[in-house]
Amino acid sequence: MLGWFRKLLPREDRFFDLFAAHIERVVGAADALNDLLQGHEIEINCARIVKLEHEADDLTRDVLQAVRRSFITPFDRSDIKDLIQSMDDAIDMMHKTVKTIRLFEQTEFEPGMQEMGRVVVEAARLVAEAVPLLKDVNRNAAKLTQLAEEVTRVEGRSDELHDEGLKQLFRRYGKDNAMAFLIGSEIYGELEKVVDRFEDVADEISGIVIENV
């Protein structure tokens, strides 16, 4: 009787299927953001990020519903919620960056912004490597910790690029073109926040490792 009942319960690995689908959207958005910052098909890539962000929102809702409906979860319910929300915050921040780029009709980007685009991709791919390893936290604890530390290192690089980018913007536009400086500093700030959100994901992963090992 108990075995029959358990077959009716949602499978634990459904969460990991949803995580995988969500992080696929996040990485896709990171790639599109990097491409547009390099000046490639800006509007097409903006539209792609918006589409992926909407899909990621749907997946986030699916995870939250699964948490409510599941009798058994692979780890603490609050950790599942915090993990998917932090992942969703990252792609939401990319969407916000797109809104700024469209609002101010930006078609050219500073070298520092282009480098930050590559950093966003690096952070996204590190998180994408980590997420599937949560299926077996005990076995993968060391690797998960390593990946989280690498995301933190990447976030530090993002901070440096942000500060240097603002300095270069001020030197170029600070005295003669205040609007260009303000728009540029807004984009730099949002790109930094994208990477910050990936560090939040890494922090959630680290927390899950600590609680389950």
N, C-alpha and C. Protein backbone atom coordinates (compact mmCIF):
# COMPACT_ATOMS: atom_id res chain seq x y z
N MET A 1 0.83 -1.21 0.00
CA MET A 1 0.00 0.00 0.00
C MET A 1 0.86 1.25 0.00
N LEU A 2 1.90 1.24 0.83
CA LEU A 2 2.78 2.40 0.91
C LEU A 2 3.50 2.61 -0.42
N GLY A 3 3.94 1.51 -1.05
CA GLY A 3 4.64 1.62 -2.34
C GLY A 3 3.74 2.23 -3.40
N TRP A 4 2.46 1.82 -3.41
CA TRP A 4 1.50 2.38 -4.36
C TRP A 4 1.32 3.87 -4.14
N PHE A 5 1.25 4.27 -2.84
CA PHE A 5 1.07 5.68 -2.49
C PHE A 5 2.26 6.51 -2.94
N ARG A 6 3.46 5.96 -2.74
CA ARG A 6 4.68 6.71 -3.10
C ARG A 6 4.76 6.94 -4.61
N LYS A 7 4.19 5.99 -5.40
CA LYS A 7 4.23 6.17 -6.85
C LYS A 7 3.39 7.36 -7.30
N LEU A 8 2.43 7.73 -6.48
CA LEU A 8 1.58 8.88 -6.81
C LEU A 8 2.22 10.21 -6.45
N LEU A 9 3.28 10.16 -5.65
CA LEU A 9 3.93 11.39 -5.22
C LEU A 9 4.80 11.95 -6.34
N PRO A 10 4.92 13.27 -6.44
CA PRO A 10 5.82 13.87 -7.44
C PRO A 10 7.24 13.37 -7.24
N ARG A 11 7.89 13.07 -8.34
CA ARG A 11 9.27 12.58 -8.26
C ARG A 11 10.21 13.70 -7.84
N GLU A 12 11.20 13.34 -7.04
CA GLU A 12 12.17 14.34 -6.59
C GLU A 12 12.92 14.95 -7.76
N ASP A 13 13.25 14.13 -8.77
CA ASP A 13 14.09 14.65 -9.85
C ASP A 13 13.33 15.62 -10.75
N ARG A 14 12.03 15.78 -10.56
CA ARG A 14 11.31 16.82 -11.29
C ARG A 14 11.89 18.19 -10.98
N PHE A 15 12.31 18.40 -9.74
CA PHE A 15 12.93 19.67 -9.39
C PHE A 15 14.19 19.90 -10.22
N PHE A 16 14.98 18.86 -10.38
CA PHE A 16 16.22 19.02 -11.12
C PHE A 16 15.97 19.21 -12.61
N ASP A 17 14.91 18.60 -13.13
CA ASP A 17 14.52 18.86 -14.52
C ASP A 17 14.15 20.33 -14.69
N LEU A 18 13.41 20.87 -13.73
CA LEU A 18 13.02 22.27 -13.80
C LEU A 18 14.22 23.19 -13.62
N PHE A 19 15.11 22.85 -12.69
CA PHE A 19 16.34 23.63 -12.52
C PHE A 19 17.13 23.66 -13.83
N ALA A 20 17.25 22.48 -14.46
CA ALA A 20 18.03 22.38 -15.71
C ALA A 20 17.40 23.23 -16.81
N ALA A 21 16.07 23.18 -16.90
CA ALA A 21 15.40 23.98 -17.93
C ALA A 21 15.58 25.47 -17.66
N HIS A 22 15.53 25.85 -16.38
CA HIS A 22 15.67 27.26 -16.04
C HIS A 22 17.09 27.75 -16.32
N ILE A 23 18.09 27.00 -15.89
CA ILE A 23 19.47 27.46 -16.08
C ILE A 23 19.83 27.49 -17.56
N GLU A 24 19.16 26.65 -18.37
CA GLU A 24 19.36 26.71 -19.82
C GLU A 24 18.92 28.06 -20.35
N ARG A 25 17.80 28.56 -19.85
CA ARG A 25 17.33 29.90 -20.24
C ARG A 25 18.28 30.99 -19.77
N VAL A 26 18.79 30.83 -18.56
CA VAL A 26 19.71 31.82 -18.01
C VAL A 26 20.98 31.90 -18.86
N VAL A 27 21.54 30.75 -19.20
CA VAL A 27 22.76 30.73 -20.02
C VAL A 27 22.47 31.30 -21.41
N GLY A 28 21.31 30.95 -21.97
CA GLY A 28 20.94 31.50 -23.27
C GLY A 28 20.84 33.02 -23.23
N ALA A 29 20.27 33.54 -22.17
CA ALA A 29 20.16 35.00 -22.02
C ALA A 29 21.53 35.63 -21.85
N ALA A 30 22.41 34.98 -21.09
CA ALA A 30 23.77 35.50 -20.91
C ALA A 30 24.51 35.55 -22.24
N ASP A 31 24.37 34.50 -23.06
CA ASP A 31 25.01 34.49 -24.38
C ASP A 31 24.46 35.62 -25.26
N ALA A 32 23.14 35.81 -25.21
CA ALA A 32 22.52 36.86 -26.02
C ALA A 32 22.96 38.24 -25.55
N LEU A 33 23.07 38.42 -24.24
CA LEU A 33 23.53 39.70 -23.70
C LEU A 33 24.96 39.99 -24.14
N ASN A 34 25.79 38.99 -24.08
CA ASN A 34 27.18 39.15 -24.52
C ASN A 34 27.23 39.50 -26.00
N ASP A 35 26.44 38.80 -26.81
CA ASP A 35 26.44 39.07 -28.25
C ASP A 35 26.01 40.50 -28.55
N LEU A 36 24.96 40.97 -27.88
CA LEU A 36 24.49 42.32 -28.20
C LEU A 36 25.50 43.37 -27.73
N LEU A 37 26.19 43.11 -26.61
CA LEU A 37 27.21 44.06 -26.15
C LEU A 37 28.39 44.12 -27.11
N GLN A 38 28.62 43.03 -27.84
CA GLN A 38 29.67 43.04 -28.86
C GLN A 38 29.19 43.71 -30.14
N GLY A 39 27.90 44.13 -30.16
CA GLY A 39 27.36 44.83 -31.31
C GLY A 39 26.71 43.94 -32.35
N HIS A 40 26.41 42.69 -31.98
CA HIS A 40 25.84 41.73 -32.93
C HIS A 40 24.32 41.65 -32.79
N GLU A 41 23.61 41.99 -33.84
CA GLU A 41 22.15 41.82 -33.89
C GLU A 41 21.49 42.27 -32.59
N ILE A 42 21.66 43.52 -32.27
CA ILE A 42 21.26 44.03 -30.96
C ILE A 42 19.78 43.80 -30.68
N GLU A 43 18.91 44.18 -31.59
CA GLU A 43 17.48 44.04 -31.32
C GLU A 43 17.05 42.58 -31.26
N ILE A 44 17.62 41.76 -32.12
CA ILE A 44 17.29 40.33 -32.10
C ILE A 44 17.69 39.72 -30.76
N ASN A 45 18.85 40.08 -30.27
CA ASN A 45 19.32 39.54 -28.99
C ASN A 45 18.52 40.12 -27.81
N CYS A 46 18.13 41.38 -27.91
CA CYS A 46 17.26 41.95 -26.88
C CYS A 46 15.95 41.17 -26.79
N ALA A 47 15.36 40.91 -27.96
CA ALA A 47 14.10 40.17 -27.99
C ALA A 47 14.28 38.75 -27.46
N ARG A 48 15.41 38.15 -27.74
CA ARG A 48 15.68 36.79 -27.25
C ARG A 48 15.76 36.78 -25.72
N ILE A 49 16.40 37.77 -25.15
CA ILE A 49 16.50 37.84 -23.69
C ILE A 49 15.12 37.99 -23.06
N VAL A 50 14.29 38.85 -23.65
CA VAL A 50 12.94 39.04 -23.13
C VAL A 50 12.16 37.73 -23.18
N LYS A 51 12.25 37.02 -24.29
CA LYS A 51 11.54 35.73 -24.43
C LYS A 51 12.03 34.73 -23.40
N LEU A 52 13.34 34.62 -23.24
CA LEU A 52 13.91 33.66 -22.29
C LEU A 52 13.54 34.03 -20.86
N GLU A 53 13.46 35.33 -20.56
CA GLU A 53 13.10 35.75 -19.22
C GLU A 53 11.66 35.36 -18.90
N HIS A 54 10.78 35.48 -19.88
CA HIS A 54 9.38 35.07 -19.67
C HIS A 54 9.30 33.55 -19.44
N GLU A 55 10.06 32.80 -20.21
CA GLU A 55 10.07 31.34 -20.04
C GLU A 55 10.62 30.96 -18.66
N ALA A 56 11.66 31.68 -18.23
CA ALA A 56 12.24 31.42 -16.91
C ALA A 56 11.25 31.72 -15.80
N ASP A 57 10.46 32.77 -15.97
CA ASP A 57 9.41 33.09 -14.98
C ASP A 57 8.42 31.93 -14.86
N ASP A 58 8.02 31.36 -15.99
CA ASP A 58 7.09 30.23 -15.97
C ASP A 58 7.69 29.05 -15.23
N LEU A 59 8.96 28.79 -15.46
CA LEU A 59 9.64 27.67 -14.80
C LEU A 59 9.77 27.91 -13.30
N THR A 60 10.01 29.16 -12.94
CA THR A 60 10.08 29.49 -11.51
C THR A 60 8.76 29.20 -10.83
N ARG A 61 7.67 29.58 -11.48
CA ARG A 61 6.35 29.29 -10.93
C ARG A 61 6.13 27.78 -10.80
N ASP A 62 6.60 27.03 -11.80
CA ASP A 62 6.46 25.57 -11.75
C ASP A 62 7.20 24.99 -10.54
N VAL A 63 8.40 25.51 -10.28
CA VAL A 63 9.17 25.03 -9.12
C VAL A 63 8.43 25.35 -7.83
N LEU A 64 7.94 26.55 -7.70
CA LEU A 64 7.26 26.95 -6.47
C LEU A 64 5.98 26.13 -6.26
N GLN A 65 5.28 25.83 -7.34
CA GLN A 65 4.10 24.99 -7.23
C GLN A 65 4.48 23.57 -6.83
N ALA A 66 5.57 23.07 -7.41
CA ALA A 66 6.02 21.72 -7.08
C ALA A 66 6.43 21.61 -5.62
N VAL A 67 7.03 22.68 -5.09
CA VAL A 67 7.40 22.68 -3.66
C VAL A 67 6.14 22.53 -2.80
N ARG A 68 5.09 23.24 -3.16
CA ARG A 68 3.86 23.18 -2.37
C ARG A 68 3.17 21.82 -2.47
N ARG A 69 3.29 21.19 -3.64
CA ARG A 69 2.55 19.96 -3.88
C ARG A 69 3.33 18.70 -3.49
N SER A 70 4.61 18.79 -3.36
CA SER A 70 5.45 17.61 -3.14
C SER A 70 5.48 17.20 -1.68
N PHE A 71 5.32 15.91 -1.47
CA PHE A 71 5.45 15.36 -0.12
C PHE A 71 6.93 15.19 0.23
N ILE A 72 7.73 14.83 -0.78
CA ILE A 72 9.16 14.63 -0.59
C ILE A 72 9.91 15.62 -1.48
N THR A 73 10.89 16.31 -0.92
CA THR A 73 11.74 17.21 -1.70
C THR A 73 13.20 16.80 -1.52
N PRO A 74 14.07 17.06 -2.51
CA PRO A 74 15.45 16.60 -2.43
C PRO A 74 16.26 17.27 -1.33
N PHE A 75 15.93 18.50 -1.01
CA PHE A 75 16.51 19.18 0.15
C PHE A 75 15.49 20.18 0.67
N ASP A 76 15.87 20.95 1.65
CA ASP A 76 14.92 21.81 2.37
C ASP A 76 14.11 22.68 1.40
N ARG A 77 12.82 22.79 1.68
CA ARG A 77 11.91 23.54 0.80
C ARG A 77 12.33 25.00 0.65
N SER A 78 12.75 25.60 1.74
CA SER A 78 13.16 27.00 1.66
C SER A 78 14.40 27.16 0.80
N ASP A 79 15.29 26.17 0.82
CA ASP A 79 16.48 26.22 -0.03
C ASP A 79 16.11 26.11 -1.51
N ILE A 80 15.14 25.26 -1.81
CA ILE A 80 14.67 25.14 -3.19
C ILE A 80 14.10 26.47 -3.68
N LYS A 81 13.26 27.08 -2.85
CA LYS A 81 12.66 28.36 -3.21
C LYS A 81 13.73 29.44 -3.40
N ASP A 82 14.68 29.50 -2.47
CA ASP A 82 15.72 30.53 -2.55
C ASP A 82 16.62 30.32 -3.76
N LEU A 83 16.90 29.04 -4.07
CA LEU A 83 17.77 28.76 -5.21
C LEU A 83 17.13 29.19 -6.52
N ILE A 84 15.88 28.77 -6.74
CA ILE A 84 15.23 29.11 -8.02
C ILE A 84 14.98 30.61 -8.11
N GLN A 85 14.69 31.26 -6.98
CA GLN A 85 14.47 32.70 -7.01
C GLN A 85 15.75 33.45 -7.33
N SER A 86 16.88 32.99 -6.78
CA SER A 86 18.15 33.65 -7.08
C SER A 86 18.53 33.46 -8.54
N MET A 87 18.25 32.27 -9.10
CA MET A 87 18.49 32.05 -10.52
C MET A 87 17.60 32.97 -11.36
N ASP A 88 16.36 33.11 -10.95
CA ASP A 88 15.44 33.97 -11.69
C ASP A 88 15.82 35.44 -11.59
N ASP A 89 16.36 35.83 -10.44
CA ASP A 89 16.81 37.21 -10.28
C ASP A 89 17.92 37.56 -11.28
N ALA A 90 18.77 36.57 -11.59
CA ALA A 90 19.86 36.82 -12.53
C ALA A 90 19.32 37.15 -13.93
N ILE A 91 18.37 36.36 -14.40
CA ILE A 91 17.83 36.63 -15.73
C ILE A 91 16.92 37.85 -15.72
N ASP A 92 16.25 38.11 -14.59
CA ASP A 92 15.47 39.34 -14.47
C ASP A 92 16.36 40.57 -14.62
N MET A 93 17.56 40.50 -14.05
CA MET A 93 18.49 41.62 -14.14
C MET A 93 18.98 41.81 -15.57
N MET A 94 19.15 40.72 -16.29
CA MET A 94 19.51 40.84 -17.71
C MET A 94 18.39 41.51 -18.49
N HIS A 95 17.15 41.14 -18.15
CA HIS A 95 15.99 41.77 -18.79
C HIS A 95 15.96 43.27 -18.50
N LYS A 96 16.25 43.65 -17.27
CA LYS A 96 16.29 45.06 -16.91
C LYS A 96 17.36 45.80 -17.70
N THR A 97 18.49 45.15 -17.91
CA THR A 97 19.56 45.76 -18.71
C THR A 97 19.09 46.01 -20.14
N VAL A 98 18.36 45.05 -20.68
CA VAL A 98 17.80 45.20 -22.03
C VAL A 98 16.84 46.40 -22.08
N LYS A 99 16.03 46.56 -21.05
CA LYS A 99 15.10 47.69 -21.02
C LYS A 99 15.86 49.02 -21.09
N THR A 100 16.97 49.11 -20.37
CA THR A 100 17.77 50.35 -20.38
C THR A 100 18.38 50.57 -21.76
N ILE A 101 18.90 49.50 -22.36
CA ILE A 101 19.52 49.61 -23.69
C ILE A 101 18.49 50.07 -24.71
N ARG A 102 17.30 49.52 -24.63
CA ARG A 102 16.24 49.92 -25.57
C ARG A 102 15.75 51.34 -25.29
N LEU A 103 15.59 51.66 -24.01
CA LEU A 103 15.08 52.98 -23.65
C LEU A 103 15.95 54.08 -24.21
N PHE A 104 17.26 53.90 -24.09
CA PHE A 104 18.20 54.95 -24.52
C PHE A 104 18.77 54.67 -25.92
N GLU A 105 18.19 53.66 -26.61
CA GLU A 105 18.53 53.36 -28.00
C GLU A 105 20.04 53.21 -28.19
N GLN A 106 20.62 52.41 -27.35
CA GLN A 106 22.07 52.21 -27.41
C GLN A 106 22.43 51.16 -28.46
N THR A 107 23.36 51.48 -29.31
CA THR A 107 23.82 50.56 -30.36
C THR A 107 25.32 50.32 -30.31
N GLU A 108 26.02 51.10 -29.50
CA GLU A 108 27.46 50.92 -29.33
C GLU A 108 27.77 50.86 -27.85
N PHE A 109 28.75 50.02 -27.50
CA PHE A 109 29.05 49.78 -26.10
C PHE A 109 30.54 49.88 -25.83
N GLU A 110 30.85 50.38 -24.66
CA GLU A 110 32.23 50.59 -24.25
C GLU A 110 32.97 49.25 -24.15
N PRO A 111 34.30 49.27 -24.37
CA PRO A 111 35.08 48.04 -24.25
C PRO A 111 34.90 47.36 -22.89
N GLY A 112 34.77 48.16 -21.82
CA GLY A 112 34.56 47.58 -20.49
C GLY A 112 33.23 46.85 -20.39
N MET A 113 32.20 47.39 -21.05
CA MET A 113 30.90 46.71 -21.06
C MET A 113 31.00 45.40 -21.82
N GLN A 114 31.73 45.41 -22.92
CA GLN A 114 31.90 44.19 -23.69
C GLN A 114 32.63 43.13 -22.87
N GLU A 115 33.61 43.54 -22.11
CA GLU A 115 34.32 42.59 -21.25
C GLU A 115 33.40 42.07 -20.14
N MET A 116 32.56 42.94 -19.62
CA MET A 116 31.61 42.50 -18.60
C MET A 116 30.60 41.51 -19.18
N GLY A 117 30.27 41.65 -20.46
CA GLY A 117 29.41 40.67 -21.11
C GLY A 117 30.03 39.29 -21.09
N ARG A 118 31.34 39.24 -21.34
CA ARG A 118 32.03 37.95 -21.29
C ARG A 118 32.07 37.40 -19.87
N VAL A 119 32.18 38.28 -18.90
CA VAL A 119 32.18 37.86 -17.49
C VAL A 119 30.82 37.29 -17.11
N VAL A 120 29.75 37.91 -17.60
CA VAL A 120 28.40 37.40 -17.33
C VAL A 120 28.27 35.97 -17.85
N VAL A 121 28.77 35.72 -19.06
CA VAL A 121 28.71 34.37 -19.62
C VAL A 121 29.51 33.39 -18.76
N GLU A 122 30.68 33.81 -18.31
CA GLU A 122 31.50 32.94 -17.48
C GLU A 122 30.77 32.57 -16.19
N ALA A 123 30.17 33.57 -15.55
CA ALA A 123 29.44 33.31 -14.30
C ALA A 123 28.25 32.38 -14.56
N ALA A 124 27.53 32.62 -15.65
CA ALA A 124 26.37 31.79 -15.97
C ALA A 124 26.78 30.34 -16.21
N ARG A 125 27.86 30.14 -16.89
CA ARG A 125 28.30 28.76 -17.19
C ARG A 125 28.82 28.05 -15.95
N LEU A 126 29.42 28.77 -15.04
CA LEU A 126 29.84 28.15 -13.78
C LEU A 126 28.63 27.68 -12.98
N VAL A 127 27.61 28.53 -12.92
CA VAL A 127 26.39 28.14 -12.20
C VAL A 127 25.71 26.97 -12.90
N ALA A 128 25.70 26.99 -14.24
CA ALA A 128 25.09 25.91 -15.00
C ALA A 128 25.81 24.58 -14.76
N GLU A 129 27.10 24.65 -14.54
CA GLU A 129 27.86 23.44 -14.22
C GLU A 129 27.53 22.93 -12.82
N ALA A 130 27.25 23.86 -11.91
CA ALA A 130 27.01 23.49 -10.52
C ALA A 130 25.62 22.89 -10.30
N VAL A 131 24.62 23.45 -10.94
CA VAL A 131 23.23 23.09 -10.62
C VAL A 131 22.95 21.58 -10.74
N PRO A 132 23.38 20.89 -11.81
CA PRO A 132 23.09 19.45 -11.89
C PRO A 132 23.78 18.63 -10.79
N LEU A 133 24.87 19.15 -10.26
CA LEU A 133 25.60 18.42 -9.22
C LEU A 133 24.83 18.37 -7.91
N LEU A 134 23.80 19.21 -7.77
CA LEU A 134 23.00 19.20 -6.55
C LEU A 134 22.17 17.93 -6.41
N LYS A 135 22.08 17.14 -7.47
CA LYS A 135 21.38 15.85 -7.37
C LYS A 135 22.03 14.95 -6.33
N ASP A 136 23.34 15.09 -6.16
CA ASP A 136 24.06 14.29 -5.16
C ASP A 136 25.03 15.23 -4.44
N VAL A 137 24.50 15.96 -3.47
CA VAL A 137 25.28 16.99 -2.79
C VAL A 137 26.49 16.38 -2.08
N ASN A 138 26.29 15.26 -1.42
CA ASN A 138 27.40 14.66 -0.67
C ASN A 138 28.56 14.29 -1.57
N ARG A 139 28.27 13.61 -2.66
CA ARG A 139 29.33 13.18 -3.57
C ARG A 139 30.01 14.38 -4.24
N ASN A 140 29.24 15.42 -4.51
CA ASN A 140 29.75 16.55 -5.30
C ASN A 140 30.09 17.78 -4.46
N ALA A 141 30.15 17.61 -3.16
CA ALA A 141 30.34 18.77 -2.27
C ALA A 141 31.60 19.56 -2.61
N ALA A 142 32.71 18.88 -2.81
CA ALA A 142 33.97 19.58 -3.08
C ALA A 142 33.89 20.37 -4.38
N LYS A 143 33.33 19.76 -5.43
CA LYS A 143 33.22 20.44 -6.72
C LYS A 143 32.26 21.61 -6.63
N LEU A 144 31.15 21.43 -5.92
CA LEU A 144 30.19 22.53 -5.76
C LEU A 144 30.83 23.71 -5.03
N THR A 145 31.61 23.41 -4.02
CA THR A 145 32.30 24.48 -3.28
C THR A 145 33.29 25.20 -4.17
N GLN A 146 34.01 24.43 -4.98
CA GLN A 146 34.98 25.03 -5.90
C GLN A 146 34.30 25.95 -6.90
N LEU A 147 33.19 25.49 -7.48
CA LEU A 147 32.47 26.31 -8.46
C LEU A 147 31.92 27.58 -7.84
N ALA A 148 31.41 27.47 -6.61
CA ALA A 148 30.90 28.66 -5.91
C ALA A 148 32.02 29.67 -5.69
N GLU A 149 33.19 29.18 -5.33
CA GLU A 149 34.33 30.07 -5.13
C GLU A 149 34.76 30.73 -6.43
N GLU A 150 34.65 30.00 -7.54
CA GLU A 150 35.02 30.57 -8.84
C GLU A 150 34.03 31.68 -9.23
N VAL A 151 32.76 31.48 -8.92
CA VAL A 151 31.77 32.54 -9.19
C VAL A 151 32.11 33.79 -8.39
N THR A 152 32.52 33.60 -7.15
CA THR A 152 32.90 34.74 -6.32
C THR A 152 34.11 35.47 -6.92
N ARG A 153 35.06 34.70 -7.44
CA ARG A 153 36.22 35.31 -8.10
C ARG A 153 35.78 36.11 -9.32
N VAL A 154 34.88 35.56 -10.10
CA VAL A 154 34.38 36.25 -11.29
C VAL A 154 33.64 37.53 -10.89
N GLU A 155 32.88 37.47 -9.80
CA GLU A 155 32.18 38.66 -9.33
C GLU A 155 33.16 39.76 -8.95
N GLY A 156 34.29 39.37 -8.35
CA GLY A 156 35.32 40.35 -8.03
C GLY A 156 35.88 41.01 -9.28
N ARG A 157 36.06 40.23 -10.32
CA ARG A 157 36.52 40.77 -11.60
C ARG A 157 35.48 41.75 -12.16
N SER A 158 34.21 41.42 -12.01
CA SER A 158 33.15 42.30 -12.48
C SER A 158 33.19 43.64 -11.76
N ASP A 159 33.42 43.61 -10.45
CA ASP A 159 33.53 44.86 -9.69
C ASP A 159 34.65 45.74 -10.22
N GLU A 160 35.78 45.11 -10.52
CA GLU A 160 36.93 45.86 -11.04
C GLU A 160 36.60 46.49 -12.39
N LEU A 161 35.95 45.73 -13.27
CA LEU A 161 35.58 46.25 -14.58
C LEU A 161 34.57 47.39 -14.46
N HIS A 162 33.65 47.25 -13.53
CA HIS A 162 32.66 48.30 -13.29
C HIS A 162 33.34 49.60 -12.87
N ASP A 163 34.24 49.51 -11.90
CA ASP A 163 34.91 50.71 -11.39
C ASP A 163 35.79 51.35 -12.46
N GLU A 164 36.52 50.53 -13.18
CA GLU A 164 37.39 51.06 -14.24
C GLU A 164 36.55 51.65 -15.37
N GLY A 165 35.41 51.01 -15.66
CA GLY A 165 34.54 51.51 -16.71
C GLY A 165 33.98 52.88 -16.38
N LEU A 166 33.57 53.07 -15.13
CA LEU A 166 33.06 54.37 -14.71
C LEU A 166 34.15 55.44 -14.81
N LYS A 167 35.36 55.06 -14.44
CA LYS A 167 36.47 56.01 -14.52
C LYS A 167 36.70 56.44 -15.97
N GLN A 168 36.67 55.46 -16.89
CA GLN A 168 36.89 55.78 -18.30
C GLN A 168 35.74 56.61 -18.86
N LEU A 169 34.51 56.30 -18.43
CA LEU A 169 33.36 57.10 -18.86
C LEU A 169 33.49 58.55 -18.42
N PHE A 170 33.91 58.74 -17.18
CA PHE A 170 34.04 60.10 -16.67
C PHE A 170 35.11 60.87 -17.45
N ARG A 171 36.21 60.20 -17.72
CA ARG A 171 37.28 60.86 -18.48
C ARG A 171 36.81 61.24 -19.88
N ARG A 172 35.96 60.40 -20.45
CA ARG A 172 35.53 60.62 -21.83
C ARG A 172 34.36 61.60 -21.93
N TYR A 173 33.41 61.49 -20.99
CA TYR A 173 32.18 62.26 -21.10
C TYR A 173 31.87 63.18 -19.93
N GLY A 174 32.57 63.02 -18.84
CA GLY A 174 32.20 63.69 -17.60
C GLY A 174 32.03 65.19 -17.71
N LYS A 175 32.86 65.84 -18.49
CA LYS A 175 32.83 67.31 -18.56
C LYS A 175 31.96 67.83 -19.69
N ASP A 176 31.80 67.02 -20.75
CA ASP A 176 31.16 67.55 -21.96
C ASP A 176 29.83 66.89 -22.32
N ASN A 177 29.56 65.71 -21.79
CA ASN A 177 28.36 64.99 -22.21
C ASN A 177 27.79 64.21 -21.02
N ALA A 178 27.11 64.93 -20.16
CA ALA A 178 26.60 64.33 -18.93
C ALA A 178 25.63 63.20 -19.21
N MET A 179 24.80 63.33 -20.25
CA MET A 179 23.82 62.29 -20.56
C MET A 179 24.51 60.98 -20.94
N ALA A 180 25.55 61.07 -21.76
CA ALA A 180 26.29 59.86 -22.16
C ALA A 180 26.90 59.19 -20.93
N PHE A 181 27.40 60.02 -20.02
CA PHE A 181 27.98 59.45 -18.80
C PHE A 181 26.91 58.76 -17.96
N LEU A 182 25.76 59.38 -17.81
CA LEU A 182 24.70 58.81 -17.00
C LEU A 182 24.17 57.50 -17.59
N ILE A 183 23.98 57.48 -18.91
CA ILE A 183 23.50 56.26 -19.56
C ILE A 183 24.53 55.14 -19.42
N GLY A 184 25.78 55.48 -19.68
CA GLY A 184 26.84 54.49 -19.58
C GLY A 184 26.98 53.94 -18.18
N SER A 185 26.90 54.83 -17.19
CA SER A 185 27.04 54.38 -15.80
C SER A 185 25.86 53.49 -15.40
N GLU A 186 24.67 53.78 -15.95
CA GLU A 186 23.49 52.93 -15.67
C GLU A 186 23.70 51.52 -16.21
N ILE A 187 24.20 51.43 -17.44
CA ILE A 187 24.43 50.12 -18.04
C ILE A 187 25.52 49.36 -17.28
N TYR A 188 26.60 50.06 -16.94
CA TYR A 188 27.65 49.42 -16.14
C TYR A 188 27.09 48.89 -14.82
N GLY A 189 26.27 49.70 -14.17
CA GLY A 189 25.71 49.29 -12.89
C GLY A 189 24.82 48.07 -13.00
N GLU A 190 24.03 48.01 -14.06
CA GLU A 190 23.15 46.86 -14.24
C GLU A 190 23.93 45.60 -14.59
N LEU A 191 24.97 45.73 -15.39
CA LEU A 191 25.81 44.57 -15.70
C LEU A 191 26.49 44.04 -14.43
N GLU A 192 26.93 44.95 -13.58
CA GLU A 192 27.52 44.51 -12.31
C GLU A 192 26.49 43.75 -11.48
N LYS A 193 25.26 44.23 -11.48
CA LYS A 193 24.21 43.57 -10.70
C LYS A 193 23.87 42.20 -11.25
N VAL A 194 23.99 42.03 -12.57
CA VAL A 194 23.77 40.70 -13.14
C VAL A 194 24.74 39.71 -12.52
N VAL A 195 26.01 40.09 -12.48
CA VAL A 195 27.01 39.17 -11.91
C VAL A 195 26.81 39.02 -10.41
N ASP A 196 26.39 40.08 -9.75
CA ASP A 196 26.06 39.97 -8.32
C ASP A 196 24.98 38.92 -8.08
N ARG A 197 23.99 38.87 -8.97
CA ARG A 197 22.91 37.90 -8.81
C ARG A 197 23.44 36.48 -8.98
N PHE A 198 24.43 36.29 -9.86
CA PHE A 198 25.04 34.97 -9.98
C PHE A 198 25.80 34.60 -8.71
N GLU A 199 26.40 35.59 -8.08
CA GLU A 199 27.06 35.30 -6.81
C GLU A 199 26.02 34.90 -5.76
N ASP A 200 24.83 35.49 -5.82
CA ASP A 200 23.76 35.08 -4.91
C ASP A 200 23.40 33.61 -5.13
N VAL A 201 23.36 33.19 -6.40
CA VAL A 201 23.08 31.77 -6.69
C VAL A 201 24.18 30.90 -6.08
N ALA A 202 25.42 31.33 -6.25
CA ALA A 202 26.54 30.56 -5.69
C ALA A 202 26.44 30.48 -4.18
N ASP A 203 26.01 31.56 -3.55
CA ASP A 203 25.84 31.56 -2.09
C ASP A 203 24.75 30.57 -1.67
N GLU A 204 23.67 30.52 -2.44
CA GLU A 204 22.61 29.56 -2.13
C GLU A 204 23.12 28.13 -2.27
N ILE A 205 23.90 27.88 -3.30
CA ILE A 205 24.47 26.55 -3.49
C ILE A 205 25.39 26.19 -2.34
N SER A 206 26.23 27.13 -1.94
CA SER A 206 27.12 26.90 -0.79
C SER A 206 26.33 26.57 0.46
N GLY A 207 25.23 27.30 0.66
CA GLY A 207 24.39 27.04 1.82
C GLY A 207 23.79 25.65 1.81
N ILE A 208 23.37 25.19 0.63
CA ILE A 208 22.81 23.85 0.52
C ILE A 208 23.87 22.80 0.83
N VAL A 209 25.09 23.04 0.36
CA VAL A 209 26.19 22.11 0.65
C VAL A 209 26.42 22.03 2.15
N ILE A 210 26.50 23.17 2.80
CA ILE A 210 26.77 23.21 4.25
C ILE A 210 25.68 22.48 5.03
N GLU A 211 24.43 22.67 4.63
CA GLU A 211 23.31 22.09 5.37
C GLU A 211 23.14 20.59 5.14
N ASN A 212 23.68 20.09 4.01
CA ASN A 212 23.39 18.71 3.65
C ASN A 212 24.60 17.78 3.68
N VAL A 213 25.75 18.30 4.01
CA VAL A 213 26.95 17.44 4.05
C VAL A 213 27.38 17.24 5.49
